[in-house]
Amino acid sequence: MNYLKQEQYNMQTQESLIEVYKKSLELLGENAEREGLLKTPERVAKAMQFMTQGYTMDASAILKSALFKEDISEMVIVKDIEIYSMCEHHLLPFFGKAHIAYIPNGNIVGLSKIARVVDVFARRLQVQERLTKEILECLQEALKPQGVAVIIECKHLCMMMRGVQKQNSVTTTSAFTGVFESHATRSELMKLLSSKLS
């Protein structure tokens, strides 16, 4: 059986990116025509389109596609959502986890949609601070809950591979709205995030 990989890319963008990456290899002193690099510009062009596909996605529409009316006012937490994004300053990856909580106000949302929203904003050129805020604002606007909390912990290759070269540093950002701005609710959230299921 032949292997068939189904992928969709904007072909005009693809061709332009291939030329850019081929030229980049040459400027770095490489021979873009040698066997090992012959298809590299095409691979990188496809990878970059995949890693920035969030620009073509509508996070709000994703959330609104799975809203359900429920008379629930207890905290909902989705933690340890994997994040893979690209630092806009150096075009190097940063990666880690997002922890998201909200307290419903008449509506709940399908849990997978929360993870999808994280991907929509992570798959753009980003800074972690803005990523945190964009996720928060999207959830607040679409769900209109009593409050939203977003906490993101990431390692940045722009700090690990270059510059200060600190291998073990982790950057944490957080943003809160509504009831999560109160000390008691935030403390409850932090306690639940640190607890382990038995």
N, C-alpha and C. Protein backbone atom coordinates (compact mmCIF):
# COMPACT_ATOMS: atom_id res chain seq x y z
N MET A 1 0.85 -1.20 0.00
CA MET A 1 0.00 0.00 0.00
C MET A 1 0.89 1.25 0.00
N ASN A 2 0.59 2.17 -0.88
CA ASN A 2 1.36 3.41 -0.95
C ASN A 2 0.97 4.35 0.18
N TYR A 3 1.95 5.10 0.64
CA TYR A 3 1.71 6.09 1.69
C TYR A 3 1.21 7.38 1.06
N LEU A 4 0.05 7.86 1.50
CA LEU A 4 -0.52 9.09 0.96
C LEU A 4 -0.75 10.06 2.10
N LYS A 5 -0.06 11.18 2.05
CA LYS A 5 -0.20 12.19 3.10
C LYS A 5 -1.08 13.32 2.57
N GLN A 6 -2.17 13.60 3.29
CA GLN A 6 -3.11 14.64 2.87
C GLN A 6 -2.81 15.92 3.64
N GLU A 7 -2.34 16.93 2.93
CA GLU A 7 -2.10 18.23 3.54
C GLU A 7 -2.55 19.31 2.57
N GLN A 8 -3.04 20.42 3.12
CA GLN A 8 -3.48 21.51 2.26
C GLN A 8 -2.70 22.77 2.60
N TYR A 9 -2.18 23.42 1.56
CA TYR A 9 -1.43 24.64 1.74
C TYR A 9 -1.83 25.63 0.65
N ASN A 10 -1.65 26.89 0.94
CA ASN A 10 -1.84 27.92 -0.07
C ASN A 10 -0.63 27.85 -1.01
N MET A 11 -0.87 27.45 -2.24
CA MET A 11 0.24 27.17 -3.15
C MET A 11 1.02 28.43 -3.54
N GLN A 12 0.33 29.56 -3.64
CA GLN A 12 1.03 30.80 -3.97
C GLN A 12 1.97 31.19 -2.83
N THR A 13 1.46 31.08 -1.60
CA THR A 13 2.30 31.35 -0.42
C THR A 13 3.44 30.35 -0.36
N GLN A 14 3.12 29.09 -0.64
CA GLN A 14 4.12 28.02 -0.61
C GLN A 14 5.30 28.33 -1.54
N GLU A 15 4.99 28.68 -2.77
CA GLU A 15 6.06 28.94 -3.74
C GLU A 15 6.91 30.14 -3.33
N SER A 16 6.27 31.17 -2.82
CA SER A 16 7.02 32.36 -2.39
C SER A 16 7.93 32.04 -1.22
N LEU A 17 7.40 31.27 -0.25
CA LEU A 17 8.21 30.89 0.91
C LEU A 17 9.39 30.02 0.52
N ILE A 18 9.19 29.11 -0.43
CA ILE A 18 10.29 28.24 -0.88
C ILE A 18 11.45 29.08 -1.39
N GLU A 19 11.13 30.10 -2.17
CA GLU A 19 12.19 30.97 -2.70
C GLU A 19 12.91 31.72 -1.57
N VAL A 20 12.14 32.19 -0.59
CA VAL A 20 12.72 32.91 0.55
C VAL A 20 13.67 32.01 1.34
N TYR A 21 13.24 30.76 1.62
CA TYR A 21 14.07 29.86 2.42
C TYR A 21 15.28 29.36 1.63
N LYS A 22 15.12 29.20 0.32
CA LYS A 22 16.27 28.81 -0.50
C LYS A 22 17.33 29.91 -0.45
N LYS A 23 16.89 31.15 -0.60
CA LYS A 23 17.82 32.29 -0.54
C LYS A 23 18.46 32.38 0.85
N SER A 24 17.67 32.12 1.90
CA SER A 24 18.19 32.18 3.27
C SER A 24 19.32 31.17 3.47
N LEU A 25 19.14 29.95 2.94
CA LEU A 25 20.18 28.94 3.05
C LEU A 25 21.47 29.41 2.38
N GLU A 26 21.31 30.00 1.23
CA GLU A 26 22.48 30.49 0.49
C GLU A 26 23.18 31.63 1.24
N LEU A 27 22.39 32.53 1.83
CA LEU A 27 22.97 33.64 2.59
C LEU A 27 23.72 33.15 3.83
N LEU A 28 23.30 32.00 4.36
CA LEU A 28 23.98 31.43 5.53
C LEU A 28 25.23 30.66 5.14
N GLY A 29 25.52 30.56 3.84
CA GLY A 29 26.74 29.91 3.40
C GLY A 29 26.55 28.47 2.95
N GLU A 30 25.29 28.02 2.84
CA GLU A 30 25.01 26.65 2.43
C GLU A 30 24.79 26.56 0.93
N ASN A 31 24.87 25.34 0.44
CA ASN A 31 24.54 25.05 -0.95
C ASN A 31 23.12 24.49 -0.97
N ALA A 32 22.16 25.30 -1.38
CA ALA A 32 20.75 24.90 -1.36
C ALA A 32 20.46 23.78 -2.36
N GLU A 33 21.43 23.46 -3.24
CA GLU A 33 21.23 22.42 -4.25
C GLU A 33 21.80 21.07 -3.82
N ARG A 34 22.48 21.02 -2.68
CA ARG A 34 23.03 19.71 -2.29
C ARG A 34 21.90 18.79 -1.82
N GLU A 35 22.13 17.49 -1.89
CA GLU A 35 21.08 16.50 -1.70
C GLU A 35 20.31 16.68 -0.39
N GLY A 36 21.02 16.87 0.70
CA GLY A 36 20.37 16.97 2.00
C GLY A 36 19.48 18.19 2.17
N LEU A 37 19.77 19.24 1.38
CA LEU A 37 19.01 20.49 1.51
C LEU A 37 18.06 20.74 0.34
N LEU A 38 18.05 19.86 -0.62
CA LEU A 38 17.30 20.11 -1.85
C LEU A 38 15.81 20.37 -1.58
N LYS A 39 15.22 19.60 -0.66
CA LYS A 39 13.79 19.77 -0.36
C LYS A 39 13.54 20.55 0.93
N THR A 40 14.61 21.03 1.56
CA THR A 40 14.45 21.75 2.82
C THR A 40 13.59 23.01 2.68
N PRO A 41 13.79 23.85 1.67
CA PRO A 41 12.93 25.04 1.57
C PRO A 41 11.45 24.69 1.49
N GLU A 42 11.12 23.62 0.76
CA GLU A 42 9.72 23.20 0.66
C GLU A 42 9.20 22.70 2.00
N ARG A 43 10.02 21.90 2.70
CA ARG A 43 9.60 21.38 4.01
C ARG A 43 9.38 22.51 5.01
N VAL A 44 10.31 23.47 5.03
CA VAL A 44 10.18 24.58 5.97
C VAL A 44 8.97 25.44 5.61
N ALA A 45 8.73 25.66 4.33
CA ALA A 45 7.56 26.44 3.91
C ALA A 45 6.27 25.78 4.39
N LYS A 46 6.18 24.47 4.27
CA LYS A 46 4.99 23.75 4.74
C LYS A 46 4.89 23.81 6.26
N ALA A 47 6.03 23.62 6.92
CA ALA A 47 6.02 23.66 8.39
C ALA A 47 5.57 25.02 8.91
N MET A 48 6.06 26.08 8.30
CA MET A 48 5.68 27.42 8.75
C MET A 48 4.21 27.70 8.50
N GLN A 49 3.67 27.24 7.39
CA GLN A 49 2.24 27.41 7.15
C GLN A 49 1.43 26.65 8.19
N PHE A 50 1.87 25.45 8.54
CA PHE A 50 1.17 24.66 9.56
C PHE A 50 1.26 25.35 10.93
N MET A 51 2.45 25.81 11.27
CA MET A 51 2.66 26.38 12.61
C MET A 51 2.05 27.76 12.78
N THR A 52 1.60 28.37 11.68
CA THR A 52 0.95 29.68 11.77
C THR A 52 -0.48 29.63 11.24
N GLN A 53 -1.07 28.45 11.21
CA GLN A 53 -2.42 28.32 10.67
C GLN A 53 -3.49 28.99 11.53
N GLY A 54 -3.12 29.41 12.73
CA GLY A 54 -4.07 30.11 13.59
C GLY A 54 -4.59 31.40 13.01
N TYR A 55 -3.83 31.99 12.08
CA TYR A 55 -4.28 33.23 11.45
C TYR A 55 -5.55 33.03 10.62
N THR A 56 -5.78 31.80 10.17
CA THR A 56 -6.95 31.52 9.32
C THR A 56 -8.10 30.92 10.11
N MET A 57 -7.98 30.83 11.44
CA MET A 57 -9.02 30.22 12.27
C MET A 57 -9.73 31.26 13.12
N ASP A 58 -10.98 30.99 13.43
CA ASP A 58 -11.81 31.89 14.23
C ASP A 58 -12.10 31.22 15.58
N ALA A 59 -11.38 31.64 16.61
CA ALA A 59 -11.52 31.01 17.93
C ALA A 59 -12.91 31.19 18.50
N SER A 60 -13.50 32.36 18.31
CA SER A 60 -14.83 32.63 18.82
C SER A 60 -15.86 31.70 18.19
N ALA A 61 -15.76 31.49 16.88
CA ALA A 61 -16.69 30.59 16.18
C ALA A 61 -16.54 29.16 16.68
N ILE A 62 -15.31 28.76 16.99
CA ILE A 62 -15.08 27.41 17.53
C ILE A 62 -15.83 27.24 18.85
N LEU A 63 -15.72 28.22 19.74
CA LEU A 63 -16.41 28.15 21.03
C LEU A 63 -17.93 28.15 20.85
N LYS A 64 -18.42 29.03 20.00
CA LYS A 64 -19.87 29.17 19.82
C LYS A 64 -20.50 27.96 19.15
N SER A 65 -19.67 27.12 18.51
CA SER A 65 -20.20 25.91 17.86
C SER A 65 -20.56 24.82 18.86
N ALA A 66 -20.15 24.99 20.11
CA ALA A 66 -20.40 23.94 21.11
C ALA A 66 -20.80 24.54 22.45
N LEU A 67 -21.68 25.53 22.42
CA LEU A 67 -22.22 26.12 23.65
C LEU A 67 -23.50 25.40 24.05
N PHE A 68 -23.63 25.11 25.34
CA PHE A 68 -24.81 24.41 25.83
C PHE A 68 -25.35 25.13 27.06
N LYS A 69 -26.66 25.29 27.12
CA LYS A 69 -27.28 25.93 28.27
C LYS A 69 -27.32 24.94 29.43
N GLU A 70 -26.72 25.32 30.55
CA GLU A 70 -26.70 24.50 31.75
C GLU A 70 -26.72 25.40 32.96
N ASP A 71 -27.52 25.04 33.95
CA ASP A 71 -27.60 25.82 35.19
C ASP A 71 -26.51 25.34 36.14
N ILE A 72 -25.29 25.68 35.80
CA ILE A 72 -24.12 25.26 36.58
C ILE A 72 -23.31 26.49 36.92
N SER A 73 -22.86 26.57 38.17
CA SER A 73 -22.05 27.73 38.57
C SER A 73 -20.79 27.30 39.32
N GLU A 74 -20.38 26.04 39.11
CA GLU A 74 -19.15 25.56 39.74
C GLU A 74 -17.98 25.72 38.77
N MET A 75 -16.79 25.77 39.32
CA MET A 75 -15.58 26.00 38.54
C MET A 75 -15.31 24.83 37.59
N VAL A 76 -14.98 25.15 36.36
CA VAL A 76 -14.58 24.17 35.35
C VAL A 76 -13.11 24.45 35.02
N ILE A 77 -12.27 23.42 35.15
CA ILE A 77 -10.83 23.59 34.90
C ILE A 77 -10.38 22.58 33.86
N VAL A 78 -9.65 23.05 32.86
CA VAL A 78 -8.94 22.17 31.93
C VAL A 78 -7.46 22.51 32.10
N LYS A 79 -6.70 21.57 32.63
CA LYS A 79 -5.30 21.88 32.89
C LYS A 79 -4.37 21.03 32.04
N ASP A 80 -3.13 21.46 31.98
CA ASP A 80 -2.08 20.76 31.24
C ASP A 80 -2.38 20.64 29.75
N ILE A 81 -2.92 21.70 29.16
CA ILE A 81 -3.13 21.75 27.71
C ILE A 81 -1.78 22.08 27.05
N GLU A 82 -1.30 21.19 26.19
CA GLU A 82 0.01 21.42 25.56
C GLU A 82 -0.02 22.65 24.66
N ILE A 83 1.05 23.41 24.71
CA ILE A 83 1.21 24.59 23.86
C ILE A 83 2.51 24.46 23.08
N TYR A 84 2.41 24.70 21.77
CA TYR A 84 3.58 24.84 20.92
C TYR A 84 3.37 26.09 20.10
N SER A 85 4.23 27.08 20.27
CA SER A 85 4.08 28.34 19.57
C SER A 85 5.43 28.82 19.08
N MET A 86 5.42 29.96 18.38
CA MET A 86 6.64 30.52 17.81
C MET A 86 6.83 31.94 18.32
N CYS A 87 7.98 32.19 18.93
CA CYS A 87 8.33 33.53 19.39
C CYS A 87 8.46 34.47 18.21
N GLU A 88 7.75 35.58 18.25
CA GLU A 88 7.78 36.50 17.11
C GLU A 88 9.09 37.30 17.02
N HIS A 89 9.88 37.28 18.08
CA HIS A 89 11.13 38.05 18.06
C HIS A 89 12.27 37.31 17.36
N HIS A 90 12.29 35.97 17.49
CA HIS A 90 13.40 35.21 16.92
C HIS A 90 12.95 34.06 16.01
N LEU A 91 11.64 33.88 15.87
CA LEU A 91 11.08 32.76 15.11
C LEU A 91 11.62 31.42 15.63
N LEU A 92 11.74 31.32 16.95
CA LEU A 92 12.10 30.07 17.59
C LEU A 92 10.92 29.61 18.44
N PRO A 93 10.78 28.29 18.63
CA PRO A 93 9.62 27.79 19.37
C PRO A 93 9.66 28.12 20.86
N PHE A 94 8.48 28.24 21.44
CA PHE A 94 8.33 28.11 22.89
C PHE A 94 7.20 27.12 23.13
N PHE A 95 7.29 26.41 24.25
CA PHE A 95 6.37 25.30 24.46
C PHE A 95 6.13 25.11 25.96
N GLY A 96 5.00 24.54 26.28
CA GLY A 96 4.66 24.31 27.68
C GLY A 96 3.22 23.91 27.83
N LYS A 97 2.58 24.45 28.88
CA LYS A 97 1.21 24.05 29.21
C LYS A 97 0.37 25.25 29.59
N ALA A 98 -0.91 25.14 29.25
CA ALA A 98 -1.89 26.15 29.68
C ALA A 98 -2.87 25.50 30.64
N HIS A 99 -3.28 26.26 31.64
CA HIS A 99 -4.31 25.83 32.58
C HIS A 99 -5.42 26.87 32.48
N ILE A 100 -6.62 26.42 32.19
CA ILE A 100 -7.73 27.34 31.95
C ILE A 100 -8.91 26.95 32.82
N ALA A 101 -9.50 27.97 33.45
CA ALA A 101 -10.69 27.75 34.28
C ALA A 101 -11.73 28.81 33.97
N TYR A 102 -12.98 28.42 34.14
CA TYR A 102 -14.06 29.41 34.05
C TYR A 102 -15.20 28.98 34.96
N ILE A 103 -15.99 29.94 35.35
CA ILE A 103 -17.19 29.65 36.15
C ILE A 103 -18.39 30.04 35.30
N PRO A 104 -19.20 29.04 34.90
CA PRO A 104 -20.30 29.29 33.97
C PRO A 104 -21.32 30.28 34.52
N ASN A 105 -22.03 30.87 33.58
CA ASN A 105 -23.10 31.81 33.92
C ASN A 105 -24.30 31.52 33.01
N GLY A 106 -24.71 30.22 33.00
CA GLY A 106 -25.84 29.81 32.17
C GLY A 106 -25.43 29.01 30.95
N ASN A 107 -24.13 29.06 30.58
CA ASN A 107 -23.64 28.31 29.43
C ASN A 107 -22.35 27.57 29.78
N ILE A 108 -22.24 26.35 29.25
CA ILE A 108 -20.96 25.64 29.30
C ILE A 108 -20.51 25.40 27.86
N VAL A 109 -19.26 25.02 27.68
CA VAL A 109 -18.73 24.78 26.34
C VAL A 109 -18.07 23.41 26.31
N GLY A 110 -18.11 22.76 25.15
CA GLY A 110 -17.42 21.48 24.99
C GLY A 110 -15.96 21.62 25.37
N LEU A 111 -15.45 20.72 26.18
CA LEU A 111 -14.10 20.85 26.73
C LEU A 111 -13.02 20.89 25.65
N SER A 112 -13.20 20.11 24.59
CA SER A 112 -12.18 20.10 23.53
C SER A 112 -12.06 21.46 22.86
N LYS A 113 -13.15 22.24 22.89
CA LYS A 113 -13.11 23.55 22.24
C LYS A 113 -12.16 24.51 22.97
N ILE A 114 -12.02 24.33 24.28
CA ILE A 114 -11.09 25.16 25.04
C ILE A 114 -9.66 24.90 24.57
N ALA A 115 -9.32 23.62 24.39
CA ALA A 115 -7.99 23.27 23.89
C ALA A 115 -7.79 23.78 22.47
N ARG A 116 -8.84 23.75 21.66
CA ARG A 116 -8.73 24.25 20.29
C ARG A 116 -8.47 25.75 20.26
N VAL A 117 -9.10 26.48 21.18
CA VAL A 117 -8.87 27.93 21.26
C VAL A 117 -7.41 28.21 21.58
N VAL A 118 -6.84 27.43 22.48
CA VAL A 118 -5.42 27.58 22.79
C VAL A 118 -4.59 27.42 21.52
N ASP A 119 -4.90 26.39 20.72
CA ASP A 119 -4.16 26.15 19.48
C ASP A 119 -4.31 27.30 18.49
N VAL A 120 -5.52 27.84 18.38
CA VAL A 120 -5.74 28.93 17.42
C VAL A 120 -4.78 30.09 17.68
N PHE A 121 -4.66 30.49 18.94
CA PHE A 121 -3.80 31.63 19.26
C PHE A 121 -2.32 31.24 19.34
N ALA A 122 -2.03 29.98 19.72
CA ALA A 122 -0.64 29.54 19.80
C ALA A 122 -0.04 29.38 18.41
N ARG A 123 -0.86 29.04 17.43
CA ARG A 123 -0.35 28.83 16.07
C ARG A 123 -0.33 30.13 15.28
N ARG A 124 0.29 31.11 15.90
CA ARG A 124 0.57 32.41 15.29
C ARG A 124 1.93 32.84 15.82
N LEU A 125 2.54 33.83 15.22
CA LEU A 125 3.75 34.38 15.82
C LEU A 125 3.32 35.11 17.08
N GLN A 126 3.96 34.79 18.21
CA GLN A 126 3.42 35.21 19.49
C GLN A 126 4.49 35.68 20.45
N VAL A 127 4.01 36.34 21.51
CA VAL A 127 4.72 36.46 22.77
C VAL A 127 3.79 35.85 23.80
N GLN A 128 4.36 35.25 24.83
CA GLN A 128 3.55 34.52 25.80
C GLN A 128 2.55 35.43 26.50
N GLU A 129 2.96 36.65 26.76
CA GLU A 129 2.08 37.59 27.47
C GLU A 129 0.80 37.86 26.66
N ARG A 130 0.95 38.09 25.35
CA ARG A 130 -0.22 38.36 24.52
C ARG A 130 -1.07 37.11 24.33
N LEU A 131 -0.40 35.96 24.18
CA LEU A 131 -1.11 34.69 24.04
C LEU A 131 -2.06 34.48 25.22
N THR A 132 -1.57 34.74 26.42
CA THR A 132 -2.39 34.58 27.63
C THR A 132 -3.62 35.48 27.58
N LYS A 133 -3.40 36.72 27.20
CA LYS A 133 -4.49 37.70 27.16
C LYS A 133 -5.51 37.38 26.08
N GLU A 134 -5.03 36.94 24.90
CA GLU A 134 -5.95 36.64 23.80
C GLU A 134 -6.87 35.47 24.13
N ILE A 135 -6.31 34.43 24.76
CA ILE A 135 -7.14 33.29 25.16
C ILE A 135 -8.19 33.73 26.17
N LEU A 136 -7.77 34.51 27.15
CA LEU A 136 -8.69 35.00 28.19
C LEU A 136 -9.82 35.82 27.58
N GLU A 137 -9.48 36.78 26.73
CA GLU A 137 -10.50 37.67 26.16
C GLU A 137 -11.48 36.92 25.27
N CYS A 138 -10.99 35.93 24.52
CA CYS A 138 -11.87 35.15 23.66
C CYS A 138 -12.88 34.35 24.48
N LEU A 139 -12.40 33.69 25.53
CA LEU A 139 -13.29 32.91 26.39
C LEU A 139 -14.31 33.80 27.09
N GLN A 140 -13.85 34.95 27.59
CA GLN A 140 -14.74 35.88 28.28
C GLN A 140 -15.84 36.39 27.35
N GLU A 141 -15.46 36.74 26.13
CA GLU A 141 -16.41 37.30 25.18
C GLU A 141 -17.43 36.26 24.70
N ALA A 142 -16.95 35.05 24.38
CA ALA A 142 -17.83 34.02 23.81
C ALA A 142 -18.73 33.37 24.85
N LEU A 143 -18.19 33.11 26.05
CA LEU A 143 -18.95 32.38 27.07
C LEU A 143 -19.72 33.30 28.00
N LYS A 144 -19.24 34.53 28.15
CA LYS A 144 -19.81 35.47 29.12
C LYS A 144 -20.00 34.81 30.49
N PRO A 145 -18.94 34.21 31.02
CA PRO A 145 -19.02 33.50 32.30
C PRO A 145 -18.89 34.48 33.46
N GLN A 146 -18.96 33.93 34.68
CA GLN A 146 -18.74 34.76 35.87
C GLN A 146 -17.27 35.16 35.99
N GLY A 147 -16.41 34.41 35.34
CA GLY A 147 -14.98 34.73 35.36
C GLY A 147 -14.17 33.70 34.60
N VAL A 148 -13.00 34.12 34.15
CA VAL A 148 -12.07 33.24 33.42
C VAL A 148 -10.69 33.41 34.04
N ALA A 149 -9.94 32.31 34.08
CA ALA A 149 -8.54 32.34 34.51
C ALA A 149 -7.70 31.59 33.49
N VAL A 150 -6.59 32.19 33.10
CA VAL A 150 -5.66 31.55 32.17
C VAL A 150 -4.26 31.66 32.77
N ILE A 151 -3.61 30.51 32.93
CA ILE A 151 -2.22 30.47 33.43
C ILE A 151 -1.42 29.65 32.42
N ILE A 152 -0.30 30.22 31.97
CA ILE A 152 0.54 29.54 30.98
C ILE A 152 1.97 29.45 31.51
N GLU A 153 2.56 28.26 31.37
CA GLU A 153 3.95 28.01 31.77
C GLU A 153 4.70 27.49 30.55
N CYS A 154 5.77 28.17 30.15
CA CYS A 154 6.49 27.76 28.94
C CYS A 154 7.99 27.89 29.08
N LYS A 155 8.69 27.07 28.29
CA LYS A 155 10.12 27.22 28.07
C LYS A 155 10.31 27.81 26.68
N HIS A 156 11.28 28.73 26.57
CA HIS A 156 11.50 29.46 25.32
C HIS A 156 12.87 29.13 24.75
N LEU A 157 12.89 28.59 23.54
CA LEU A 157 14.17 28.24 22.93
C LEU A 157 15.02 29.47 22.62
N CYS A 158 14.39 30.65 22.51
CA CYS A 158 15.19 31.86 22.30
C CYS A 158 16.00 32.21 23.54
N MET A 159 15.63 31.66 24.70
CA MET A 159 16.43 31.82 25.92
C MET A 159 17.36 30.64 26.14
N MET A 160 17.01 29.49 25.57
CA MET A 160 17.77 28.27 25.83
C MET A 160 18.89 28.04 24.81
N MET A 161 18.63 28.34 23.53
CA MET A 161 19.58 28.04 22.46
C MET A 161 20.51 29.20 22.14
N ARG A 162 20.12 30.41 22.52
CA ARG A 162 20.90 31.60 22.16
C ARG A 162 20.85 32.57 23.34
N GLY A 163 21.43 33.74 23.17
CA GLY A 163 21.34 34.75 24.22
C GLY A 163 21.89 34.28 25.54
N VAL A 164 21.05 34.29 26.57
CA VAL A 164 21.52 33.95 27.92
C VAL A 164 21.74 32.45 28.10
N GLN A 165 21.17 31.61 27.22
CA GLN A 165 21.37 30.16 27.25
C GLN A 165 21.05 29.56 28.61
N LYS A 166 19.90 29.89 29.14
CA LYS A 166 19.44 29.33 30.42
C LYS A 166 18.50 28.16 30.13
N GLN A 167 18.95 26.96 30.49
CA GLN A 167 18.26 25.75 30.08
C GLN A 167 17.04 25.40 30.92
N ASN A 168 16.97 25.88 32.13
CA ASN A 168 15.92 25.41 33.04
C ASN A 168 14.91 26.49 33.45
N SER A 169 14.97 27.64 32.82
CA SER A 169 14.04 28.70 33.20
C SER A 169 12.67 28.44 32.59
N VAL A 170 11.64 28.76 33.35
CA VAL A 170 10.24 28.62 32.92
C VAL A 170 9.57 29.97 33.10
N THR A 171 8.85 30.42 32.08
CA THR A 171 8.12 31.68 32.17
C THR A 171 6.65 31.39 32.44
N THR A 172 6.11 32.04 33.46
CA THR A 172 4.70 31.88 33.82
C THR A 172 3.98 33.20 33.63
N THR A 173 2.85 33.14 32.93
CA THR A 173 2.00 34.32 32.77
C THR A 173 0.59 33.95 33.20
N SER A 174 -0.16 34.94 33.66
CA SER A 174 -1.53 34.67 34.10
C SER A 174 -2.41 35.88 33.83
N ALA A 175 -3.69 35.61 33.68
CA ALA A 175 -4.67 36.67 33.50
C ALA A 175 -6.00 36.19 34.07
N PHE A 176 -6.74 37.11 34.67
CA PHE A 176 -7.98 36.75 35.35
C PHE A 176 -9.07 37.79 35.07
N THR A 177 -10.30 37.33 35.00
CA THR A 177 -11.45 38.24 34.93
C THR A 177 -12.49 37.81 35.95
N GLY A 178 -13.40 38.73 36.25
CA GLY A 178 -14.57 38.42 37.08
C GLY A 178 -14.21 37.89 38.45
N VAL A 179 -14.89 36.80 38.84
CA VAL A 179 -14.73 36.27 40.19
C VAL A 179 -13.32 35.78 40.48
N PHE A 180 -12.53 35.51 39.44
CA PHE A 180 -11.15 35.07 39.67
C PHE A 180 -10.25 36.21 40.12
N GLU A 181 -10.76 37.43 40.08
CA GLU A 181 -9.98 38.54 40.60
C GLU A 181 -10.05 38.61 42.12
N SER A 182 -10.95 37.83 42.73
CA SER A 182 -11.02 37.79 44.19
C SER A 182 -10.01 36.78 44.73
N HIS A 183 -9.45 37.09 45.88
CA HIS A 183 -8.42 36.26 46.48
C HIS A 183 -8.92 34.85 46.76
N ALA A 184 -10.14 34.71 47.27
CA ALA A 184 -10.67 33.39 47.66
C ALA A 184 -10.82 32.47 46.45
N THR A 185 -11.39 32.98 45.37
CA THR A 185 -11.60 32.15 44.18
C THR A 185 -10.28 31.78 43.54
N ARG A 186 -9.37 32.73 43.51
CA ARG A 186 -8.05 32.46 42.93
C ARG A 186 -7.31 31.42 43.77
N SER A 187 -7.42 31.51 45.07
CA SER A 187 -6.77 30.53 45.95
C SER A 187 -7.33 29.13 45.74
N GLU A 188 -8.65 29.04 45.56
CA GLU A 188 -9.28 27.74 45.30
C GLU A 188 -8.75 27.16 43.98
N LEU A 189 -8.63 28.01 42.97
CA LEU A 189 -8.11 27.57 41.68
C LEU A 189 -6.69 27.03 41.83
N MET A 190 -5.83 27.78 42.51
CA MET A 190 -4.44 27.36 42.64
C MET A 190 -4.32 26.05 43.41
N LYS A 191 -5.19 25.87 44.39
CA LYS A 191 -5.19 24.61 45.17
C LYS A 191 -5.59 23.45 44.27
N LEU A 192 -6.61 23.66 43.42
CA LEU A 192 -7.07 22.59 42.52
C LEU A 192 -6.02 22.29 41.46
N LEU A 193 -5.33 23.31 40.97
CA LEU A 193 -4.30 23.09 39.96
C LEU A 193 -3.12 22.29 40.50
N SER A 194 -2.81 22.50 41.76
CA SER A 194 -1.65 21.81 42.36
C SER A 194 -1.98 20.41 42.86
N SER A 195 -3.27 20.07 42.93
CA SER A 195 -3.65 18.76 43.44
C SER A 195 -3.51 17.70 42.37
N LYS A 196 -3.25 16.48 42.80
CA LYS A 196 -3.12 15.34 41.89
C LYS A 196 -4.30 14.39 42.09
N LEU A 197 -4.78 13.83 40.99
CA LEU A 197 -5.84 12.82 41.10
C LEU A 197 -5.23 11.54 41.65
N SER A 198 -5.97 10.89 42.56
CA SER A 198 -5.42 9.64 43.14
C SER A 198 -5.76 8.45 42.29
